[in-house]
Amino acid sequence: MNFKKQAEKLEKILEEEFNKKVPLLVVNKNCLLYKHYKIKKNVLENWDLQDQSGRIIETFKLKVNAALAAKFYDRNQIEKFNEVKNLDTKYWTNIIDSLIFREKCNKTKDMIKKDIYISRWDITKTRAEQYKLEISKLFSYNFG
């Protein structure tokens, strides 16, 4: 029995199975692979979508959005790719705004401003939850 040939056969079978069933490979907590694209955390705590040569295609705030973008980029679905980028931006801006308004609400003494901050906090928090739900649905539809 030739172990080298058996190992090559097993490797080929596993690679075929991987390509069919598991599109995302978790390398470690800071790196994912999708086909020939790498999703890697950068020094700013964002997620870079890179091609084989290491060229950064786009940067995302959420890892899940980078994975979705990799799939759409691989399939040349640029409209969907841009949709994911917009969802990423909208989600992140609403989360940040929500945190800012909550902080302002907690610090202000003026009741009128406090009411305004509470209202804005509620609006931005609700929007962020809606975008999060949209992202979750898109991810489960494409990778589930």
C-alpha atoms as a PDB file:
ATOM      1  CA  MET A   1       0.000   0.000   0.000  1.00  0.00           C
ATOM      2  CA  ASN A   2       1.416   3.358  -1.047  1.00  0.00           C
ATOM      3  CA  PHE A   3       0.633   5.896   1.672  1.00  0.00           C
ATOM      4  CA  LYS A   4       1.594   8.867  -0.450  1.00  0.00           C
ATOM      5  CA  LYS A   5      -0.965   7.977  -3.154  1.00  0.00           C
ATOM      6  CA  GLN A   6      -3.620   7.275  -0.523  1.00  0.00           C
ATOM      7  CA  ALA A   7      -2.923  10.605   1.153  1.00  0.00           C
ATOM      8  CA  GLU A   8      -3.201  12.427  -2.182  1.00  0.00           C
ATOM      9  CA  LYS A   9      -6.520  10.685  -2.919  1.00  0.00           C
ATOM     10  CA  LEU A  10      -7.840  11.582   0.519  1.00  0.00           C
ATOM     11  CA  GLU A  11      -6.697  15.179   0.103  1.00  0.00           C
ATOM     12  CA  LYS A  12      -8.443  15.398  -3.267  1.00  0.00           C
ATOM     13  CA  ILE A  13     -11.657  13.933  -1.851  1.00  0.00           C
ATOM     14  CA  LEU A  14     -11.597  16.324   1.108  1.00  0.00           C
ATOM     15  CA  GLU A  15     -10.936  19.296  -1.150  1.00  0.00           C
ATOM     16  CA  GLU A  16     -13.882  18.364  -3.395  1.00  0.00           C
ATOM     17  CA  GLU A  17     -16.100  17.909  -0.347  1.00  0.00           C
ATOM     18  CA  PHE A  18     -14.948  21.236   1.052  1.00  0.00           C
ATOM     19  CA  ASN A  19     -15.767  23.008  -2.197  1.00  0.00           C
ATOM     20  CA  LYS A  20     -19.262  21.491  -2.193  1.00  0.00           C
ATOM     21  CA  LYS A  21     -20.272  21.807   1.447  1.00  0.00           C
ATOM     22  CA  VAL A  22     -18.113  24.243   3.402  1.00  0.00           C
ATOM     23  CA  PRO A  23     -17.566  27.544   1.621  1.00  0.00           C
ATOM     24  CA  LEU A  24     -15.992  29.266   4.651  1.00  0.00           C
ATOM     25  CA  LEU A  25     -12.897  27.998   6.376  1.00  0.00           C
ATOM     26  CA  VAL A  26     -12.026  29.460   9.762  1.00  0.00           C
ATOM     27  CA  VAL A  27      -8.246  29.691  10.020  1.00  0.00           C
ATOM     28  CA  ASN A  28      -8.297  31.448  13.400  1.00  0.00           C
ATOM     29  CA  LYS A  29     -10.410  34.099  15.106  1.00  0.00           C
ATOM     30  CA  ASN A  30      -8.807  36.822  12.976  1.00  0.00           C
ATOM     31  CA  CYS A  31      -8.816  35.096   9.586  1.00  0.00           C
ATOM     32  CA  LEU A  32     -11.327  33.345   7.302  1.00  0.00           C
ATOM     33  CA  LEU A  33     -10.976  31.881   3.840  1.00  0.00           C
ATOM     34  CA  TYR A  34     -13.632  31.800   1.155  1.00  0.00           C
ATOM     35  CA  LYS A  35     -12.474  29.969  -1.953  1.00  0.00           C
ATOM     36  CA  HIS A  36      -9.373  31.981  -2.954  1.00  0.00           C
ATOM     37  CA  TYR A  37     -10.233  35.076  -0.888  1.00  0.00           C
ATOM     38  CA  LYS A  38      -8.918  35.889   2.558  1.00  0.00           C
ATOM     39  CA  ILE A  39     -10.881  37.819   5.157  1.00  0.00           C
ATOM     40  CA  LYS A  40      -8.478  39.162   7.736  1.00  0.00           C
ATOM     41  CA  LYS A  41      -8.746  41.540  10.687  1.00  0.00           C
ATOM     42  CA  ASN A  42      -6.568  44.618  10.285  1.00  0.00           C
ATOM     43  CA  VAL A  43      -4.945  46.869  12.902  1.00  0.00           C
ATOM     44  CA  LEU A  44      -8.014  49.138  12.997  1.00  0.00           C
ATOM     45  CA  GLU A  45     -10.199  46.141  13.999  1.00  0.00           C
ATOM     46  CA  ASN A  46     -11.915  46.130  10.586  1.00  0.00           C
ATOM     47  CA  TRP A  47     -12.091  43.179   8.182  1.00  0.00           C
ATOM     48  CA  ASP A  48     -10.152  43.305   4.916  1.00  0.00           C
ATOM     49  CA  LEU A  49     -11.333  41.261   1.962  1.00  0.00           C
ATOM     50  CA  GLN A  50      -8.186  40.279   0.057  1.00  0.00           C
ATOM     51  CA  ASP A  51      -7.560  38.414  -3.178  1.00  0.00           C
ATOM     52  CA  GLN A  52      -4.876  35.753  -3.702  1.00  0.00           C
ATOM     53  CA  SER A  53      -2.131  38.299  -4.191  1.00  0.00           C
ATOM     54  CA  GLY A  54      -2.967  40.035  -0.892  1.00  0.00           C
ATOM     55  CA  ARG A  55      -4.484  43.098  -2.558  1.00  0.00           C
ATOM     56  CA  ILE A  56      -7.278  44.560  -0.424  1.00  0.00           C
ATOM     57  CA  ILE A  57     -10.521  44.592  -2.372  1.00  0.00           C
ATOM     58  CA  GLU A  58     -12.627  46.269   0.309  1.00  0.00           C
ATOM     59  CA  THR A  59     -12.748  46.808   4.066  1.00  0.00           C
ATOM     60  CA  PHE A  60     -15.771  46.022   6.229  1.00  0.00           C
ATOM     61  CA  LYS A  61     -16.701  46.657   9.843  1.00  0.00           C
ATOM     62  CA  LEU A  62     -18.321  43.214  10.288  1.00  0.00           C
ATOM     63  CA  LYS A  63     -16.756  39.857   9.481  1.00  0.00           C
ATOM     64  CA  VAL A  64     -20.082  38.443   8.275  1.00  0.00           C
ATOM     65  CA  ASN A  65     -20.390  41.233   5.709  1.00  0.00           C
ATOM     66  CA  ALA A  66     -16.871  40.596   4.455  1.00  0.00           C
ATOM     67  CA  ALA A  67     -17.764  36.911   3.959  1.00  0.00           C
ATOM     68  CA  LEU A  68     -20.928  37.815   2.051  1.00  0.00           C
ATOM     69  CA  ALA A  69     -19.009  40.308  -0.072  1.00  0.00           C
ATOM     70  CA  ALA A  70     -16.403  37.658  -0.897  1.00  0.00           C
ATOM     71  CA  LYS A  71     -19.112  35.366  -2.222  1.00  0.00           C
ATOM     72  CA  PHE A  72     -20.712  38.093  -4.328  1.00  0.00           C
ATOM     73  CA  TYR A  73     -17.361  39.359  -5.597  1.00  0.00           C
ATOM     74  CA  ASP A  74     -16.376  35.827  -6.583  1.00  0.00           C
ATOM     75  CA  ARG A  75     -19.583  35.505  -8.608  1.00  0.00           C
ATOM     76  CA  ASN A  76     -19.187  38.995 -10.149  1.00  0.00           C
ATOM     77  CA  GLN A  77     -22.427  40.141  -8.524  1.00  0.00           C
ATOM     78  CA  ILE A  78     -21.237  43.704  -8.035  1.00  0.00           C
ATOM     79  CA  GLU A  79     -24.708  45.053  -7.255  1.00  0.00           C
ATOM     80  CA  LYS A  80     -25.079  42.588  -4.362  1.00  0.00           C
ATOM     81  CA  PHE A  81     -21.493  43.344  -3.293  1.00  0.00           C
ATOM     82  CA  ASN A  82     -22.346  47.058  -3.079  1.00  0.00           C
ATOM     83  CA  GLU A  83     -25.572  46.249  -1.222  1.00  0.00           C
ATOM     84  CA  VAL A  84     -23.559  44.396   1.432  1.00  0.00           C
ATOM     85  CA  LYS A  85     -21.121  47.307   1.684  1.00  0.00           C
ATOM     86  CA  ASN A  86     -24.034  49.726   2.169  1.00  0.00           C
ATOM     87  CA  LEU A  87     -25.620  47.483   4.812  1.00  0.00           C
ATOM     88  CA  ASP A  88     -22.300  47.338   6.628  1.00  0.00           C
ATOM     89  CA  THR A  89     -21.993  51.133   6.607  1.00  0.00           C
ATOM     90  CA  LYS A  90     -25.616  51.761   7.627  1.00  0.00           C
ATOM     91  CA  TYR A  91     -25.475  49.228  10.447  1.00  0.00           C
ATOM     92  CA  TRP A  92     -22.233  50.584  11.809  1.00  0.00           C
ATOM     93  CA  THR A  93     -23.237  54.271  11.640  1.00  0.00           C
ATOM     94  CA  ASN A  94     -26.518  53.563  13.434  1.00  0.00           C
ATOM     95  CA  ILE A  95     -24.783  51.545  16.153  1.00  0.00           C
ATOM     96  CA  ILE A  96     -22.271  54.366  16.723  1.00  0.00           C
ATOM     97  CA  ASP A  97     -25.031  57.009  16.706  1.00  0.00           C
ATOM     98  CA  SER A  98     -27.017  54.928  19.175  1.00  0.00           C
ATOM     99  CA  LEU A  99     -24.078  54.791  21.573  1.00  0.00           C
ATOM    100  CA  ILE A 100     -23.494  58.529  21.242  1.00  0.00           C
ATOM    101  CA  PHE A 101     -27.137  59.436  21.930  1.00  0.00           C
ATOM    102  CA  ARG A 102     -27.295  57.061  24.893  1.00  0.00           C
ATOM    103  CA  GLU A 103     -24.191  58.664  26.363  1.00  0.00           C
ATOM    104  CA  LYS A 104     -25.532  62.181  25.778  1.00  0.00           C
ATOM    105  CA  CYS A 105     -28.847  61.169  27.325  1.00  0.00           C
ATOM    106  CA  ASN A 106     -27.096  59.938  30.455  1.00  0.00           C
ATOM    107  CA  LYS A 107     -24.967  63.074  30.830  1.00  0.00           C
ATOM    108  CA  THR A 108     -27.409  65.884  30.089  1.00  0.00           C
ATOM    109  CA  LYS A 109     -29.397  67.679  32.805  1.00  0.00           C
ATOM    110  CA  ASP A 110     -31.708  69.568  30.434  1.00  0.00           C
ATOM    111  CA  MET A 111     -35.000  67.624  30.169  1.00  0.00           C
ATOM    112  CA  ILE A 112     -35.797  68.821  26.637  1.00  0.00           C
ATOM    113  CA  LYS A 113     -32.420  67.719  25.329  1.00  0.00           C
ATOM    114  CA  LYS A 114     -32.768  64.487  27.269  1.00  0.00           C
ATOM    115  CA  ASP A 115     -36.092  63.756  25.517  1.00  0.00           C
ATOM    116  CA  ILE A 116     -34.533  64.496  22.133  1.00  0.00           C
ATOM    117  CA  TYR A 117     -31.557  62.233  22.872  1.00  0.00           C
ATOM    118  CA  ILE A 118     -33.833  59.431  24.059  1.00  0.00           C
ATOM    119  CA  SER A 119     -35.873  59.724  20.876  1.00  0.00           C
ATOM    120  CA  ARG A 120     -32.778  59.727  18.649  1.00  0.00           C
ATOM    121  CA  TRP A 121     -31.293  56.837  20.643  1.00  0.00           C
ATOM    122  CA  ASP A 122     -34.451  54.781  20.126  1.00  0.00           C
ATOM    123  CA  ILE A 123     -34.559  55.559  16.392  1.00  0.00           C
ATOM    124  CA  THR A 124     -30.908  54.676  15.749  1.00  0.00           C
ATOM    125  CA  LYS A 125     -31.088  51.544  17.909  1.00  0.00           C
ATOM    126  CA  THR A 126     -34.178  50.347  16.000  1.00  0.00           C
ATOM    127  CA  ARG A 127     -32.526  51.038  12.638  1.00  0.00           C
ATOM    128  CA  ALA A 128     -29.387  49.156  13.694  1.00  0.00           C
ATOM    129  CA  GLU A 129     -31.495  46.157  14.748  1.00  0.00           C
ATOM    130  CA  GLN A 130     -33.287  46.208  11.381  1.00  0.00           C
ATOM    131  CA  TYR A 131     -29.990  46.276   9.484  1.00  0.00           C
ATOM    132  CA  LYS A 132     -28.650  43.494  11.699  1.00  0.00           C
ATOM    133  CA  LEU A 133     -31.714  41.390  10.880  1.00  0.00           C
ATOM    134  CA  GLU A 134     -31.265  42.091   7.165  1.00  0.00           C
ATOM    135  CA  ILE A 135     -27.614  41.049   7.333  1.00  0.00           C
ATOM    136  CA  SER A 136     -28.506  37.879   9.250  1.00  0.00           C
ATOM    137  CA  LYS A 137     -31.158  36.905   6.724  1.00  0.00           C
ATOM    138  CA  LEU A 138     -28.816  37.552   3.807  1.00  0.00           C
ATOM    139  CA  PHE A 139     -26.068  35.489   5.430  1.00  0.00           C
ATOM    140  CA  SER A 140     -28.302  32.534   6.313  1.00  0.00           C
ATOM    141  CA  TYR A 141     -29.799  32.561   2.824  1.00  0.00           C
ATOM    142  CA  ASN A 142     -26.380  32.511   1.153  1.00  0.00           C
ATOM    143  CA  PHE A 143     -24.458  30.281   3.556  1.00  0.00           C
ATOM    144  CA  GLY A 144     -27.178  28.354   5.407  1.00  0.00           C
END
